[in-house]
C-alpha cells in the first residue's frame, strides 16, 4: 500500500515523464480479444490514463477505470472530460462495489501487482468478465544495462541505496514465469499469450532524474539520501554527454476467461 500511494503524490510528474506504451501493444490486445468498439472495458489502476489513451485513440472508449489515488483520478477525469463514456472511479479495486457490472475486457497497465491479496484480484476480475471475456495485464519492466555509464550509476546505487541495485532484479524469464503462473492458477483463465515489446528511449539528465523520481521504490528512499543519489547520477550522465539511452521493455499477458462461475 505504501508503494502504490507514492504515485498519487506526483501525478503531474508521472504523466509528464513516464514513456508511453507502444502502439503495437494495444493492437495486439484488440486483435486477441476480438473486441467491438461498443464493448465494455474495465481498467484497473489507470494512473494518469496512459493506457486509457491507447484504447481511446484506437476507437474503444467505453471504459470504466478504477484508480485508488485521488489526484491521479482527478487528472485522468479531466484528461477525458470530453469523453462521457470514459468513467473514472476513485476507489480501491479490492473493495470497489461494482453493482454486478460485466465487462468484455479487463486491462491493467503496470498496476495489477499492487492488488492485495493477489488471489482476490484474479478471482474478482474473473467474475467481472462476461463469458469469452479477456484479461490483458501488462507491465513496464526495467531492463538492466551493463555498459557505461550504467556500471558507474550502479556503483552509486550501491553507495546510497543498495536495495535498488538492479543487478539483483529478477530476469525477464523469471518475471514471465511468475506472472504466467499467477494468471493461470486456479484454472480461471486459459489460452495464455505472452508478448514482449522492446525499444530504446533517449533521456536528458534532467528527464532521467525526473523519471526515477516517479518510481515507487525510489520514492521510499529518505529524501536527503534520494537527493544525494540523484545528484551523483546526474553528474555521471552530464559527464558522459548529457544524455542516457535507456532500454525499455513492456511485457503483456493475455488470457481468456474459462466458462464457469466462481464466488469470491
Protein backbone atom coordinates (compact mmCIF):
# COMPACT_ATOMS: atom_id res chain seq x y z
CA UNK A 1 0.00 0.00 0.00
CA UNK A 2 2.85 2.40 0.83
CA UNK A 3 4.46 1.92 -2.59
CA UNK A 4 1.30 2.36 -4.63
CA UNK A 5 0.30 5.50 -2.69
CA UNK A 6 3.53 7.24 -3.79
CA UNK A 7 2.22 7.75 -7.34
CA UNK A 8 -0.60 9.95 -6.12
CA UNK A 9 1.95 12.40 -4.65
CA UNK A 10 3.46 13.10 -8.08
CA UNK A 11 0.57 12.74 -10.51
CA UNK A 12 1.72 15.54 -12.84
CA UNK A 13 5.32 14.29 -12.95
CA UNK A 14 4.16 10.73 -13.60
CA UNK A 15 2.14 11.91 -16.59
CA UNK A 16 4.98 14.06 -17.96
CA UNK A 17 7.97 11.74 -17.66
CA UNK A 18 6.76 8.13 -17.96
CA UNK A 19 7.29 6.90 -21.56
CA UNK A 20 4.03 5.86 -23.28
CA UNK A 21 3.16 2.26 -24.07
CA UNK A 22 3.90 1.13 -27.65
CA UNK A 23 1.03 1.30 -30.14
CA UNK A 24 1.54 -2.36 -31.10
CA UNK A 25 0.59 -3.37 -27.56
CA UNK A 26 -2.94 -2.04 -27.99
CA UNK A 27 -3.29 -3.53 -31.46
CA UNK A 28 -2.28 -6.97 -30.14
CA UNK A 29 -4.74 -6.77 -27.23
CA UNK A 30 -7.59 -5.75 -29.53
CA UNK A 31 -6.74 -8.50 -32.01
CA UNK A 32 -6.58 -11.14 -29.28
CA UNK A 33 -9.81 -10.03 -27.57
CA UNK A 34 -11.75 -9.54 -30.83
CA UNK A 35 -13.37 -6.53 -29.20
CA UNK A 36 -16.15 -4.49 -30.78
CA UNK A 37 -15.92 -0.72 -30.41
CA UNK A 38 -19.01 -0.61 -28.18
CA UNK A 39 -17.85 -3.45 -25.89
CA UNK A 40 -17.14 -2.54 -22.28
CA UNK A 41 -13.59 -2.29 -20.92
CA UNK A 42 -12.62 -2.35 -17.24
CA UNK A 43 -9.29 -0.74 -16.38
CA UNK A 44 -7.67 -1.45 -13.03
CA UNK A 45 -5.29 1.26 -11.83
CA UNK A 46 -5.49 3.78 -14.65
CA UNK A 47 -2.94 6.18 -13.16
CA UNK A 48 -2.80 9.23 -15.42
CA UNK A 49 -4.60 7.46 -18.25
CA UNK A 50 -1.68 6.48 -20.45
CA UNK A 51 -3.12 3.06 -21.22
CA UNK A 52 -6.62 4.51 -21.31
CA UNK A 53 -5.50 6.86 -24.06
CA UNK A 54 -4.16 3.96 -26.11
CA UNK A 55 -7.61 2.37 -26.29
CA UNK A 56 -9.46 5.65 -26.79
CA UNK A 57 -7.16 6.56 -29.68
CA UNK A 58 -7.87 3.14 -31.18
CA UNK A 59 -11.61 3.87 -31.16
CA UNK A 60 -12.54 2.00 -27.96
CA UNK A 61 -13.80 4.48 -25.37
CA UNK A 62 -16.45 2.54 -23.42
CA UNK A 63 -14.14 2.34 -20.41
CA UNK A 64 -14.67 2.17 -16.65
CA UNK A 65 -11.37 2.93 -14.93
CA UNK A 66 -10.73 2.31 -11.23
CA UNK A 67 -7.99 4.41 -9.60
CA UNK A 68 -7.02 4.47 -5.92
CA UNK A 69 -5.19 7.83 -5.96
CA UNK A 70 -7.47 10.85 -5.75
CA UNK A 71 -5.05 13.17 -7.56
CA UNK A 72 -4.47 10.62 -10.31
CA UNK A 73 -8.19 10.00 -10.72
CA UNK A 74 -8.92 13.73 -10.97
CA UNK A 75 -6.13 14.27 -13.52
CA UNK A 76 -7.40 11.41 -15.68
CA UNK A 77 -11.02 12.53 -15.32
CA UNK A 78 -10.00 15.97 -16.58
CA UNK A 79 -8.00 14.45 -19.41
CA UNK A 80 -11.05 12.62 -20.74
CA UNK A 81 -13.72 15.16 -19.84
CA UNK A 82 -14.82 15.30 -23.48
CA UNK A 83 -15.35 11.52 -23.50
CA UNK A 84 -18.54 10.82 -21.48
CA UNK A 85 -18.18 7.05 -21.90
CA UNK A 86 -14.79 7.10 -20.13
CA UNK A 87 -15.76 6.83 -16.46
CA UNK A 88 -13.10 7.33 -13.78
CA UNK A 89 -13.92 5.91 -10.33
CA UNK A 90 -11.74 6.87 -7.36
CA UNK A 91 -11.77 3.62 -5.36
CA UNK A 92 -9.69 0.67 -4.19
CA UNK A 93 -10.29 -2.18 -6.62
CA UNK A 94 -10.36 -4.87 -3.94
CA UNK A 95 -13.30 -3.21 -2.12
CA UNK A 96 -14.96 -1.45 -5.06
CA UNK A 97 -18.72 -2.09 -5.24
CA UNK A 98 -19.27 -2.89 -8.90
CA UNK A 99 -23.04 -3.50 -8.69
CA UNK A 100 -22.73 -6.75 -10.66
CA UNK A 101 -21.37 -4.97 -13.73
CA UNK A 102 -19.93 -7.14 -16.51
CA UNK A 103 -17.14 -6.36 -18.97
CA UNK A 104 -15.73 -7.79 -22.18
CA UNK A 105 -12.11 -6.89 -21.47
CA UNK A 106 -10.17 -6.20 -18.26
CA UNK A 107 -6.89 -4.31 -18.61
CA UNK A 108 -4.24 -3.11 -16.19
CA UNK A 109 -1.04 -1.26 -17.07
CA UNK A 110 1.84 -1.64 -14.60
CA UNK A 111 -0.60 -1.77 -11.70
CA UNK A 112 -2.08 -5.20 -11.04
CA UNK A 113 0.88 -6.37 -8.93
CA UNK A 114 -0.32 -3.88 -6.29
CA UNK A 115 -3.68 -5.62 -5.86
CA UNK A 116 -3.89 -7.27 -2.43
CA UNK A 117 -4.45 -10.03 -1.75
CA UNK A 118 -3.23 -11.42 -5.05
CA UNK A 119 -5.76 -14.24 -5.02
CA UNK A 120 -8.73 -11.90 -4.60
CA UNK A 121 -7.61 -9.79 -7.56
CA UNK A 122 -7.78 -12.50 -10.20
CA UNK A 123 -10.99 -14.00 -8.82
CA UNK A 124 -12.70 -10.62 -8.79
CA UNK A 125 -11.63 -9.95 -12.38
CA UNK A 126 -12.90 -13.39 -13.37
CA UNK A 127 -16.36 -12.61 -12.01
CA UNK A 128 -16.42 -9.18 -13.64
CA UNK A 129 -15.83 -10.62 -17.11
CA UNK A 130 -18.53 -11.88 -19.42
CA UNK A 131 -18.17 -15.34 -20.91
CA UNK A 132 -15.46 -15.26 -23.60
CA UNK A 133 -14.09 -12.17 -21.86
CA UNK A 134 -10.40 -11.32 -22.00
CA UNK A 135 -7.84 -10.26 -19.43
CA UNK A 136 -4.89 -8.15 -20.65
CA UNK A 137 -2.42 -7.16 -17.95
CA UNK A 138 0.86 -5.55 -18.98
CA UNK A 139 3.90 -4.14 -17.24
CA UNK A 140 6.79 -1.85 -17.94
CA UNK A 141 9.82 -3.94 -16.95
CA UNK A 142 13.19 -2.49 -16.02
CA UNK A 143 15.98 -3.89 -18.20
CA UNK A 144 19.44 -3.66 -16.59
CA UNK A 145 22.26 -2.47 -18.81
CA UNK A 146 25.89 -3.32 -18.07
CA UNK A 147 27.74 -0.88 -20.27
CA UNK A 148 28.92 2.60 -19.37
CA UNK A 149 27.70 4.79 -17.81
CA UNK A 150 25.30 2.27 -16.25
CA UNK A 151 28.03 0.44 -14.37
CA UNK A 152 29.10 3.72 -12.79
CA UNK A 153 25.49 4.54 -11.92
CA UNK A 154 25.12 1.09 -10.36
CA UNK A 155 28.02 1.84 -8.01
CA UNK A 156 26.20 5.00 -6.88
CA UNK A 157 23.15 2.89 -6.02
CA UNK A 158 25.34 0.52 -4.01
CA UNK A 159 26.66 3.53 -2.10
CA UNK A 160 23.35 5.21 -1.26
CA UNK A 161 20.54 2.69 -1.82
CA UNK A 162 21.86 -0.87 -2.25
CA UNK A 163 18.29 -2.21 -2.23
CA UNK A 164 17.88 -0.57 -5.66
CA UNK A 165 20.90 -2.31 -7.21
CA UNK A 166 19.30 -3.71 -10.38
CA UNK A 167 21.84 -6.49 -10.75
CA UNK A 168 19.66 -8.35 -8.22
CA UNK A 169 16.46 -7.88 -10.22
CA UNK A 170 14.64 -10.98 -11.48
CA UNK A 171 15.30 -11.75 -15.13
CA UNK A 172 12.67 -11.26 -17.81
CA UNK A 173 12.28 -15.04 -17.95
CA UNK A 174 11.64 -15.19 -14.19
CA UNK A 175 9.10 -12.36 -14.38
CA UNK A 176 7.24 -14.05 -17.23
CA UNK A 177 7.19 -17.42 -15.46
CA UNK A 178 5.88 -15.96 -12.20
CA UNK A 179 3.16 -13.85 -13.80
CA UNK A 180 2.11 -16.66 -16.14
CA UNK A 181 1.65 -18.95 -13.15
CA UNK A 182 -0.41 -16.32 -11.33
CA UNK A 183 -2.60 -15.79 -14.39
CA UNK A 184 -3.34 -19.48 -14.84
CA UNK A 185 -3.61 -20.51 -11.21
CA UNK A 186 -6.97 -21.89 -10.04
CA UNK A 187 -7.96 -22.54 -13.66
CA UNK A 188 -9.70 -19.17 -14.01
CA UNK A 189 -8.09 -18.26 -17.33
CA UNK A 190 -6.84 -20.15 -20.37
CA UNK A 191 -5.11 -19.68 -23.75
CA UNK A 192 -2.36 -17.52 -22.27
CA UNK A 193 -0.31 -15.46 -24.70
CA UNK A 194 2.76 -13.52 -23.55
CA UNK A 195 4.15 -10.73 -25.72
CA UNK A 196 7.25 -8.58 -25.29
CA UNK A 197 7.95 -5.11 -26.69
CA UNK A 198 11.42 -3.58 -26.56
CA UNK A 199 12.89 -0.27 -27.72
CA UNK A 200 15.39 2.39 -26.63
CA UNK A 201 14.43 5.79 -25.22
CA UNK A 202 16.82 8.75 -25.05
CA UNK A 203 16.65 10.83 -21.86
CA UNK A 204 18.43 14.03 -20.93
CA UNK A 205 19.97 14.03 -17.46
CA UNK A 206 17.04 16.05 -16.08
CA UNK A 207 14.46 13.83 -17.74
CA UNK A 208 16.10 10.68 -16.40
CA UNK A 209 16.21 12.01 -12.84
CA UNK A 210 12.56 13.04 -13.15
CA UNK A 211 11.72 9.55 -14.38
CA UNK A 212 13.50 7.94 -11.42
CA UNK A 213 11.58 10.25 -9.11
CA UNK A 214 8.31 8.70 -10.32
CA UNK A 215 9.43 5.19 -9.35
CA UNK A 216 7.76 3.91 -6.19
CA UNK A 217 10.90 2.26 -4.78
CA UNK A 218 12.88 5.46 -5.26
CA UNK A 219 10.11 7.48 -3.61
CA UNK A 220 10.51 5.37 -0.46
CA UNK A 221 14.19 6.34 -0.09
CA UNK A 222 14.55 9.14 2.53
CA UNK A 223 14.58 12.50 0.78
CA UNK A 224 18.08 13.55 1.84
CA UNK A 225 19.59 10.27 0.62
CA UNK A 226 17.50 10.39 -2.55
CA UNK A 227 18.82 13.87 -3.32
CA UNK A 228 22.43 12.68 -2.93
CA UNK A 229 21.70 9.64 -5.11
CA UNK A 230 20.08 11.69 -7.87
CA UNK A 231 22.78 14.35 -7.73
CA UNK A 232 25.58 11.88 -8.39
CA UNK A 233 23.61 10.07 -11.12
CA UNK A 234 23.03 13.42 -12.83
CA UNK A 235 26.77 14.16 -12.68
CA UNK A 236 27.58 10.84 -14.35
CA UNK A 237 25.12 11.44 -17.20
CA UNK A 238 26.27 15.01 -17.78
CA UNK A 239 29.90 13.86 -17.77
CA UNK A 240 29.01 11.32 -20.47
CA UNK A 241 27.46 13.71 -22.96
CA UNK A 242 24.32 14.81 -21.12
CA UNK A 243 22.01 12.07 -22.48
CA UNK A 244 21.27 8.48 -21.50
CA UNK A 245 19.94 5.82 -23.86
CA UNK A 246 17.75 3.56 -21.75
CA UNK A 247 16.47 0.17 -22.90
CA UNK A 248 12.70 -0.07 -22.44
CA UNK A 249 10.54 -3.17 -22.22
CA UNK A 250 6.86 -3.95 -21.79
CA UNK A 251 5.51 -7.48 -21.34
CA UNK A 252 1.82 -8.34 -21.65
CA UNK A 253 -0.19 -11.35 -20.50
CA UNK A 254 -3.37 -12.08 -22.48
CA UNK A 255 -5.83 -14.80 -21.50
CA UNK A 256 -9.44 -15.84 -21.94
CA UNK A 257 -11.94 -16.43 -19.17
CA UNK A 258 -12.84 -20.05 -18.51
CA UNK A 259 -16.60 -20.60 -18.86
CA UNK A 260 -17.54 -21.28 -15.26
CA UNK A 261 -18.72 -19.27 -12.28
CA UNK A 262 -16.86 -18.81 -9.02
CA UNK A 263 -17.71 -16.99 -5.81
CA UNK A 264 -15.18 -14.69 -4.19
